[in-house]
Amino acid sequence: MSAPRVVFVNLPVTDVRASQAFFGRLGFTFNEQFTDESCACMVVSEQAYVMLIAEPRFKDFTAKPIADAQTTEAIVCVSAEDREDVDRLADTALEAGGTPANDPMDHGFMYGRSFHDLDGHLWEVMWMSPEAVEQGATEVEAQPA
């Protein structure tokens, strides 16, 4: 069996240190081995990292223009342990300078909230019941209450 793939999401930011402080308040840690003045390596899990890269350095990786925060290029979604963890993470993001994005989503078996980070990137925080994870959301949704 092959090793699990590792995901690196690269996001352009205007101020690496401000972004690092913002996400640090949300409880994320950083791999200092891959962090310098031009980027910060945010640890999401053992298989997922977000590289917060200063815009001038980010431009070295693409020939295309960087999308501005007025458009949505992608939605970065992170899981939460439970509904309360969703609220804690989203509320902390707003207290740390993030801005509200969409209304909370509550399907009973799945709950999520969203916010824009300091650079306008759209983030979602999502919890799904263990039953929905195991059986599939459509199966849980179809079961009588």
N, C-alpha and C. Protein backbone atom coordinates (compact mmCIF):
# COMPACT_ATOMS: atom_id res chain seq x y z
N MET A 1 0.85 -1.18 0.00
CA MET A 1 0.00 0.00 0.00
C MET A 1 0.89 1.24 0.00
N SER A 2 0.52 2.25 -0.78
CA SER A 2 1.32 3.47 -0.84
C SER A 2 0.98 4.40 0.33
N ALA A 3 1.88 5.29 0.62
CA ALA A 3 1.69 6.25 1.71
C ALA A 3 0.58 7.22 1.34
N PRO A 4 -0.13 7.73 2.34
CA PRO A 4 -1.18 8.72 2.04
C PRO A 4 -0.57 9.97 1.40
N ARG A 5 -1.32 10.56 0.51
CA ARG A 5 -0.85 11.79 -0.12
C ARG A 5 -0.98 12.94 0.88
N VAL A 6 -0.10 13.89 0.76
CA VAL A 6 -0.12 15.08 1.59
C VAL A 6 -0.64 16.24 0.73
N VAL A 7 -1.52 17.05 1.30
CA VAL A 7 -2.10 18.18 0.58
C VAL A 7 -1.49 19.47 1.10
N PHE A 8 -1.03 20.31 0.17
CA PHE A 8 -0.54 21.65 0.49
C PHE A 8 -1.42 22.65 -0.24
N VAL A 9 -2.16 23.46 0.48
CA VAL A 9 -2.94 24.53 -0.12
C VAL A 9 -2.10 25.79 -0.01
N ASN A 10 -1.85 26.44 -1.13
CA ASN A 10 -1.03 27.66 -1.15
C ASN A 10 -1.94 28.86 -1.31
N LEU A 11 -1.88 29.80 -0.35
CA LEU A 11 -2.72 30.99 -0.40
C LEU A 11 -1.86 32.25 -0.39
N PRO A 12 -2.14 33.19 -1.30
CA PRO A 12 -1.42 34.46 -1.26
C PRO A 12 -1.95 35.33 -0.12
N VAL A 13 -1.06 35.97 0.61
CA VAL A 13 -1.47 36.87 1.70
C VAL A 13 -0.69 38.18 1.59
N THR A 14 -1.27 39.24 2.10
CA THR A 14 -0.59 40.54 2.05
C THR A 14 0.40 40.71 3.19
N ASP A 15 0.14 40.06 4.33
CA ASP A 15 1.01 40.20 5.49
C ASP A 15 1.15 38.82 6.16
N VAL A 16 2.27 38.17 5.94
CA VAL A 16 2.49 36.81 6.45
C VAL A 16 2.34 36.77 7.97
N ARG A 17 2.98 37.70 8.67
CA ARG A 17 2.94 37.68 10.14
C ARG A 17 1.53 37.92 10.67
N ALA A 18 0.76 38.83 10.07
CA ALA A 18 -0.61 39.08 10.51
C ALA A 18 -1.47 37.83 10.27
N SER A 19 -1.28 37.17 9.12
CA SER A 19 -2.03 35.94 8.84
C SER A 19 -1.64 34.83 9.81
N GLN A 20 -0.36 34.74 10.11
CA GLN A 20 0.11 33.73 11.06
C GLN A 20 -0.50 33.98 12.44
N ALA A 21 -0.56 35.22 12.87
CA ALA A 21 -1.16 35.56 14.16
C ALA A 21 -2.66 35.25 14.15
N PHE A 22 -3.35 35.55 13.06
CA PHE A 22 -4.78 35.29 12.92
C PHE A 22 -5.06 33.79 13.08
N PHE A 23 -4.37 32.97 12.29
CA PHE A 23 -4.62 31.54 12.34
C PHE A 23 -4.09 30.90 13.63
N GLY A 24 -3.06 31.49 14.21
CA GLY A 24 -2.59 31.04 15.51
C GLY A 24 -3.67 31.20 16.57
N ARG A 25 -4.43 32.29 16.50
CA ARG A 25 -5.54 32.50 17.44
C ARG A 25 -6.62 31.45 17.27
N LEU A 26 -6.73 30.89 16.08
CA LEU A 26 -7.73 29.85 15.82
C LEU A 26 -7.24 28.48 16.28
N GLY A 27 -6.01 28.41 16.78
CA GLY A 27 -5.49 27.16 17.31
C GLY A 27 -4.56 26.40 16.39
N PHE A 28 -4.28 26.95 15.21
CA PHE A 28 -3.37 26.26 14.29
C PHE A 28 -1.93 26.51 14.71
N THR A 29 -1.08 25.52 14.44
CA THR A 29 0.35 25.67 14.71
C THR A 29 1.07 25.81 13.37
N PHE A 30 2.36 26.12 13.46
CA PHE A 30 3.15 26.35 12.25
C PHE A 30 4.43 25.55 12.31
N ASN A 31 4.80 24.98 11.17
CA ASN A 31 6.06 24.25 11.05
C ASN A 31 7.14 25.29 10.76
N GLU A 32 7.93 25.60 11.77
CA GLU A 32 8.96 26.64 11.65
C GLU A 32 10.05 26.26 10.64
N GLN A 33 10.20 24.98 10.38
CA GLN A 33 11.20 24.54 9.41
C GLN A 33 10.89 25.07 8.01
N PHE A 34 9.60 25.32 7.74
CA PHE A 34 9.17 25.80 6.42
C PHE A 34 8.49 27.15 6.53
N THR A 35 8.91 27.94 7.50
CA THR A 35 8.36 29.28 7.71
C THR A 35 9.50 30.29 7.72
N ASP A 36 9.33 31.36 6.95
CA ASP A 36 10.30 32.46 6.95
C ASP A 36 9.56 33.76 6.70
N GLU A 37 10.26 34.81 6.33
CA GLU A 37 9.61 36.11 6.13
C GLU A 37 8.65 36.12 4.94
N SER A 38 8.79 35.17 4.02
CA SER A 38 7.94 35.17 2.83
C SER A 38 6.80 34.16 2.88
N CYS A 39 6.81 33.27 3.88
CA CYS A 39 5.72 32.29 3.97
C CYS A 39 5.65 31.68 5.37
N ALA A 40 4.49 31.14 5.67
CA ALA A 40 4.29 30.43 6.94
C ALA A 40 3.58 29.12 6.61
N CYS A 41 4.11 28.02 7.13
CA CYS A 41 3.56 26.69 6.88
C CYS A 41 2.61 26.32 8.03
N MET A 42 1.31 26.48 7.80
CA MET A 42 0.30 26.19 8.81
C MET A 42 -0.06 24.71 8.79
N VAL A 43 0.00 24.08 9.95
CA VAL A 43 -0.30 22.65 10.07
C VAL A 43 -1.79 22.48 10.33
N VAL A 44 -2.47 21.80 9.41
CA VAL A 44 -3.87 21.46 9.60
C VAL A 44 -3.96 20.05 10.18
N SER A 45 -3.17 19.15 9.64
CA SER A 45 -3.08 17.77 10.12
C SER A 45 -1.76 17.19 9.61
N GLU A 46 -1.54 15.91 9.88
CA GLU A 46 -0.32 15.27 9.37
C GLU A 46 -0.32 15.16 7.86
N GLN A 47 -1.48 15.26 7.24
CA GLN A 47 -1.58 15.15 5.79
C GLN A 47 -2.06 16.43 5.10
N ALA A 48 -2.22 17.53 5.84
CA ALA A 48 -2.72 18.75 5.22
C ALA A 48 -2.05 19.98 5.82
N TYR A 49 -1.59 20.85 4.93
CA TYR A 49 -0.89 22.07 5.33
C TYR A 49 -1.40 23.22 4.46
N VAL A 50 -1.38 24.41 5.03
CA VAL A 50 -1.70 25.61 4.26
C VAL A 50 -0.46 26.50 4.28
N MET A 51 0.03 26.79 3.09
CA MET A 51 1.18 27.68 2.96
C MET A 51 0.64 29.09 2.75
N LEU A 52 0.85 29.95 3.74
CA LEU A 52 0.46 31.35 3.66
C LEU A 52 1.66 32.09 3.06
N ILE A 53 1.53 32.47 1.79
CA ILE A 53 2.68 32.98 1.04
C ILE A 53 2.49 34.46 0.70
N ALA A 54 3.48 35.28 1.00
CA ALA A 54 3.43 36.70 0.66
C ALA A 54 3.20 36.83 -0.85
N GLU A 55 2.33 37.76 -1.23
CA GLU A 55 1.97 37.90 -2.64
C GLU A 55 3.16 38.01 -3.59
N PRO A 56 4.20 38.80 -3.28
CA PRO A 56 5.34 38.86 -4.21
C PRO A 56 5.99 37.48 -4.43
N ARG A 57 6.09 36.69 -3.38
CA ARG A 57 6.67 35.34 -3.49
C ARG A 57 5.70 34.41 -4.22
N PHE A 58 4.39 34.55 -3.93
CA PHE A 58 3.37 33.73 -4.57
C PHE A 58 3.43 33.89 -6.09
N LYS A 59 3.70 35.09 -6.55
CA LYS A 59 3.77 35.36 -7.99
C LYS A 59 4.86 34.55 -8.68
N ASP A 60 5.87 34.09 -7.92
CA ASP A 60 6.92 33.25 -8.49
C ASP A 60 6.41 31.88 -8.90
N PHE A 61 5.24 31.47 -8.40
CA PHE A 61 4.71 30.13 -8.64
C PHE A 61 3.66 30.07 -9.75
N THR A 62 3.28 31.21 -10.29
CA THR A 62 2.23 31.19 -11.31
C THR A 62 2.46 32.31 -12.32
N ALA A 63 2.09 32.03 -13.56
CA ALA A 63 2.16 33.04 -14.61
C ALA A 63 0.85 33.83 -14.69
N LYS A 64 -0.19 33.31 -14.03
CA LYS A 64 -1.49 33.96 -14.06
C LYS A 64 -1.59 35.02 -12.96
N PRO A 65 -2.46 36.00 -13.16
CA PRO A 65 -2.63 37.01 -12.10
C PRO A 65 -3.25 36.36 -10.85
N ILE A 66 -2.94 36.93 -9.71
CA ILE A 66 -3.52 36.44 -8.45
C ILE A 66 -4.96 36.95 -8.36
N ALA A 67 -5.87 36.04 -8.05
CA ALA A 67 -7.28 36.42 -7.90
C ALA A 67 -7.41 37.37 -6.72
N ASP A 68 -8.24 38.41 -6.89
CA ASP A 68 -8.44 39.31 -5.76
C ASP A 68 -9.50 38.73 -4.83
N ALA A 69 -9.60 39.29 -3.66
CA ALA A 69 -10.51 38.76 -2.65
C ALA A 69 -11.97 39.06 -2.96
N GLN A 70 -12.24 39.80 -4.03
CA GLN A 70 -13.62 40.09 -4.42
C GLN A 70 -14.26 38.93 -5.16
N THR A 71 -13.44 37.98 -5.59
CA THR A 71 -13.95 36.78 -6.26
C THR A 71 -13.63 35.57 -5.37
N THR A 72 -14.29 34.46 -5.66
CA THR A 72 -14.01 33.24 -4.91
C THR A 72 -13.34 32.25 -5.84
N GLU A 73 -12.09 31.97 -5.58
CA GLU A 73 -11.32 31.00 -6.36
C GLU A 73 -11.50 29.61 -5.79
N ALA A 74 -11.59 29.54 -4.46
CA ALA A 74 -11.72 28.26 -3.78
C ALA A 74 -12.34 28.49 -2.40
N ILE A 75 -12.87 27.43 -1.83
CA ILE A 75 -13.37 27.44 -0.45
C ILE A 75 -12.53 26.43 0.31
N VAL A 76 -11.87 26.90 1.36
CA VAL A 76 -11.05 26.00 2.18
C VAL A 76 -11.92 25.58 3.36
N CYS A 77 -12.11 24.28 3.51
CA CYS A 77 -12.98 23.77 4.56
C CYS A 77 -12.18 22.90 5.52
N VAL A 78 -12.35 23.16 6.82
CA VAL A 78 -11.70 22.35 7.84
C VAL A 78 -12.77 21.72 8.72
N SER A 79 -12.48 20.54 9.21
CA SER A 79 -13.45 19.84 10.06
C SER A 79 -13.35 20.32 11.49
N ALA A 80 -14.42 20.09 12.23
CA ALA A 80 -14.47 20.41 13.65
C ALA A 80 -14.90 19.16 14.41
N GLU A 81 -14.54 19.11 15.70
CA GLU A 81 -14.84 17.93 16.51
C GLU A 81 -16.34 17.79 16.80
N ASP A 82 -17.04 18.91 16.95
CA ASP A 82 -18.47 18.90 17.24
C ASP A 82 -19.05 20.27 16.90
N ARG A 83 -20.34 20.44 17.11
CA ARG A 83 -21.01 21.69 16.77
C ARG A 83 -20.41 22.87 17.55
N GLU A 84 -20.11 22.63 18.82
CA GLU A 84 -19.55 23.70 19.65
C GLU A 84 -18.18 24.13 19.12
N ASP A 85 -17.41 23.18 18.61
CA ASP A 85 -16.10 23.50 18.04
C ASP A 85 -16.25 24.35 16.78
N VAL A 86 -17.30 24.08 15.99
CA VAL A 86 -17.58 24.92 14.81
C VAL A 86 -17.79 26.36 15.27
N ASP A 87 -18.66 26.54 16.26
CA ASP A 87 -18.96 27.89 16.75
C ASP A 87 -17.72 28.55 17.35
N ARG A 88 -16.95 27.79 18.13
CA ARG A 88 -15.76 28.36 18.76
C ARG A 88 -14.78 28.86 17.71
N LEU A 89 -14.52 28.03 16.70
CA LEU A 89 -13.55 28.40 15.66
C LEU A 89 -14.05 29.60 14.84
N ALA A 90 -15.32 29.58 14.44
CA ALA A 90 -15.86 30.68 13.65
C ALA A 90 -15.92 31.97 14.47
N ASP A 91 -16.37 31.88 15.71
CA ASP A 91 -16.42 33.07 16.57
C ASP A 91 -15.04 33.65 16.81
N THR A 92 -14.05 32.78 17.03
CA THR A 92 -12.68 33.25 17.24
C THR A 92 -12.14 33.93 15.99
N ALA A 93 -12.47 33.38 14.82
CA ALA A 93 -12.03 34.00 13.56
C ALA A 93 -12.60 35.41 13.44
N LEU A 94 -13.86 35.58 13.78
CA LEU A 94 -14.48 36.90 13.70
C LEU A 94 -13.88 37.86 14.72
N GLU A 95 -13.62 37.37 15.93
CA GLU A 95 -12.99 38.20 16.97
C GLU A 95 -11.57 38.60 16.59
N ALA A 96 -10.89 37.76 15.80
CA ALA A 96 -9.50 38.02 15.41
C ALA A 96 -9.38 38.90 14.17
N GLY A 97 -10.50 39.35 13.63
CA GLY A 97 -10.45 40.25 12.48
C GLY A 97 -11.02 39.68 11.19
N GLY A 98 -11.45 38.42 11.21
CA GLY A 98 -12.11 37.85 10.05
C GLY A 98 -13.48 38.49 9.88
N THR A 99 -14.08 38.27 8.72
CA THR A 99 -15.42 38.82 8.47
C THR A 99 -16.39 37.70 8.16
N PRO A 100 -17.68 37.90 8.49
CA PRO A 100 -18.68 36.85 8.22
C PRO A 100 -18.79 36.60 6.72
N ALA A 101 -19.06 35.35 6.38
CA ALA A 101 -19.26 35.01 4.97
C ALA A 101 -20.73 34.66 4.74
N ASN A 102 -21.09 33.42 4.92
CA ASN A 102 -22.46 32.96 4.66
C ASN A 102 -23.19 32.71 5.98
N ASP A 103 -24.50 32.55 5.89
CA ASP A 103 -25.28 32.18 7.07
C ASP A 103 -24.88 30.78 7.51
N PRO A 104 -25.01 30.48 8.82
CA PRO A 104 -24.72 29.11 9.28
C PRO A 104 -25.58 28.10 8.52
N MET A 105 -25.03 26.91 8.31
CA MET A 105 -25.74 25.83 7.64
C MET A 105 -26.00 24.74 8.67
N ASP A 106 -27.26 24.39 8.87
CA ASP A 106 -27.61 23.37 9.85
C ASP A 106 -28.58 22.37 9.24
N HIS A 107 -28.08 21.16 8.99
CA HIS A 107 -28.90 20.08 8.46
C HIS A 107 -29.16 19.01 9.52
N GLY A 108 -28.91 19.33 10.77
CA GLY A 108 -29.07 18.36 11.84
C GLY A 108 -27.85 17.47 11.96
N PHE A 109 -27.63 16.63 10.96
CA PHE A 109 -26.49 15.71 10.95
C PHE A 109 -25.19 16.39 10.54
N MET A 110 -25.32 17.64 10.02
CA MET A 110 -24.17 18.38 9.54
C MET A 110 -24.37 19.86 9.87
N TYR A 111 -23.32 20.49 10.38
CA TYR A 111 -23.41 21.89 10.79
C TYR A 111 -22.14 22.61 10.38
N GLY A 112 -22.29 23.80 9.84
CA GLY A 112 -21.12 24.54 9.42
C GLY A 112 -21.32 26.04 9.45
N ARG A 113 -20.21 26.73 9.54
CA ARG A 113 -20.19 28.19 9.46
C ARG A 113 -19.01 28.60 8.59
N SER A 114 -19.04 29.84 8.13
CA SER A 114 -17.97 30.29 7.25
C SER A 114 -17.55 31.71 7.59
N PHE A 115 -16.34 32.04 7.18
CA PHE A 115 -15.79 33.38 7.39
C PHE A 115 -14.74 33.66 6.32
N HIS A 116 -14.43 34.94 6.17
CA HIS A 116 -13.33 35.36 5.31
C HIS A 116 -12.14 35.69 6.21
N ASP A 117 -10.95 35.22 5.84
CA ASP A 117 -9.75 35.54 6.62
C ASP A 117 -9.32 36.99 6.33
N LEU A 118 -8.18 37.39 6.85
CA LEU A 118 -7.72 38.76 6.71
C LEU A 118 -7.52 39.19 5.26
N ASP A 119 -7.27 38.23 4.37
CA ASP A 119 -7.07 38.53 2.95
C ASP A 119 -8.31 38.26 2.10
N GLY A 120 -9.42 37.90 2.73
CA GLY A 120 -10.66 37.67 2.01
C GLY A 120 -10.86 36.26 1.50
N HIS A 121 -9.96 35.33 1.83
CA HIS A 121 -10.14 33.93 1.43
C HIS A 121 -11.32 33.35 2.21
N LEU A 122 -12.13 32.56 1.54
CA LEU A 122 -13.33 31.98 2.15
C LEU A 122 -12.99 30.65 2.82
N TRP A 123 -13.30 30.56 4.12
CA TRP A 123 -13.07 29.36 4.92
C TRP A 123 -14.40 28.86 5.46
N GLU A 124 -14.55 27.54 5.51
CA GLU A 124 -15.70 26.92 6.16
C GLU A 124 -15.19 26.03 7.29
N VAL A 125 -15.98 25.96 8.35
CA VAL A 125 -15.71 25.05 9.45
C VAL A 125 -16.92 24.13 9.50
N MET A 126 -16.69 22.83 9.43
CA MET A 126 -17.79 21.87 9.26
C MET A 126 -17.70 20.73 10.26
N TRP A 127 -18.85 20.35 10.82
CA TRP A 127 -18.97 19.15 11.65
C TRP A 127 -20.02 18.26 11.00
N MET A 128 -19.76 16.97 10.97
CA MET A 128 -20.74 15.99 10.50
C MET A 128 -20.82 14.90 11.54
N SER A 129 -22.05 14.46 11.83
CA SER A 129 -22.23 13.42 12.85
C SER A 129 -21.48 12.16 12.45
N PRO A 130 -20.99 11.41 13.44
CA PRO A 130 -20.27 10.16 13.13
C PRO A 130 -21.12 9.20 12.31
N GLU A 131 -22.44 9.18 12.55
CA GLU A 131 -23.34 8.31 11.78
C GLU A 131 -23.34 8.70 10.31
N ALA A 132 -23.37 10.00 10.04
CA ALA A 132 -23.37 10.47 8.66
C ALA A 132 -22.04 10.16 7.98
N VAL A 133 -20.95 10.27 8.73
CA VAL A 133 -19.64 9.94 8.16
C VAL A 133 -19.59 8.46 7.80
N GLU A 134 -20.09 7.62 8.69
CA GLU A 134 -20.04 6.17 8.47
C GLU A 134 -21.04 5.69 7.42
N GLN A 135 -22.27 6.18 7.49
CA GLN A 135 -23.33 5.68 6.62
C GLN A 135 -23.51 6.48 5.34
N GLY A 136 -23.05 7.69 5.35
CA GLY A 136 -23.28 8.59 4.22
C GLY A 136 -24.39 9.56 4.57
N ALA A 137 -24.22 10.79 4.18
CA ALA A 137 -25.17 11.84 4.54
C ALA A 137 -26.57 11.56 4.03
N THR A 138 -26.72 11.04 2.82
CA THR A 138 -28.05 10.79 2.28
C THR A 138 -28.78 9.71 3.06
N GLU A 139 -28.06 8.72 3.55
CA GLU A 139 -28.69 7.67 4.37
C GLU A 139 -29.19 8.23 5.69
N VAL A 140 -28.38 9.03 6.35
CA VAL A 140 -28.78 9.61 7.65
C VAL A 140 -29.92 10.59 7.46
N GLU A 141 -29.86 11.39 6.42
CA GLU A 141 -30.88 12.39 6.14
C GLU A 141 -32.23 11.73 5.87
N ALA A 142 -32.22 10.55 5.25
CA ALA A 142 -33.46 9.84 4.89
C ALA A 142 -34.09 9.10 6.07
N GLN A 143 -33.35 8.90 7.16
CA GLN A 143 -33.88 8.17 8.30
C GLN A 143 -34.90 9.02 9.05
N PRO A 144 -36.00 8.37 9.52
CA PRO A 144 -36.99 9.12 10.29
C PRO A 144 -36.38 9.58 11.62
N ALA A 145 -36.83 10.73 12.07
CA ALA A 145 -36.30 11.30 13.33
C ALA A 145 -36.76 10.51 14.54
